[in-house]
Amino acid sequence: MPWSRSEGDELADLYDRLGPGLYRYALMILADPVGAEDVVHDVFLALARRRGAGIVTIDAYLKLAVRNGCYSVLRRRKRRPDAENDTTARLEAAGDDDDPANRLALGAALGRLPPEQREVVHLKAFEGLTFQEIADLTGESINTVAGRYRYALDRLRAELGDRR
């Protein structure tokens, strides 16, 4: 059954409000702009088909669906070693630094982190979630999440040094 006009407007509003943040989240995990767009599109398509049935908190549902979609893409890439996997793709980090050289260096360094570390850095630094909230979202222990964040920061510091 198709969406009614008001439901369609509601879905469009939801996409306008949450789509950009979900795209940045997917981009941080995948380090692939096209793959990130595809995942977000697929998640909203699945939501449209479900018509939101049984979803209590739409924000949390969409974030988890994007995360699951991204890790499905990463698993498929591992099974196809010949597939293009450019982890140094330019990331669109939402930082306050206006220096293009610093933004490019940070984006490249983030792109070289393992996906799990990129995800934790994104959720902590760019979305402001606590380690407990990240642990709840990812299904990992809080110690695992904190460790991934610490290892990512250590690696970024070592690679970037002091760029101030």
Foldseek 3Di string as FASTA:
>chain_A
DADDPVLVVVLVVVCVVCVVVQLLLLCLLQVDNVQSVVQLVVLSVVCRVVSVPPPDDPNLVSNLSSVVSSVVVVVVCVVPVVDDRPLQRFHDDPDPDPPPVVSSQVRRLSSPQHSLLSNLCCCCVVVPDDLVVVCVSVVHDSVVSVVSPVVSVVSSCVRVPDPD
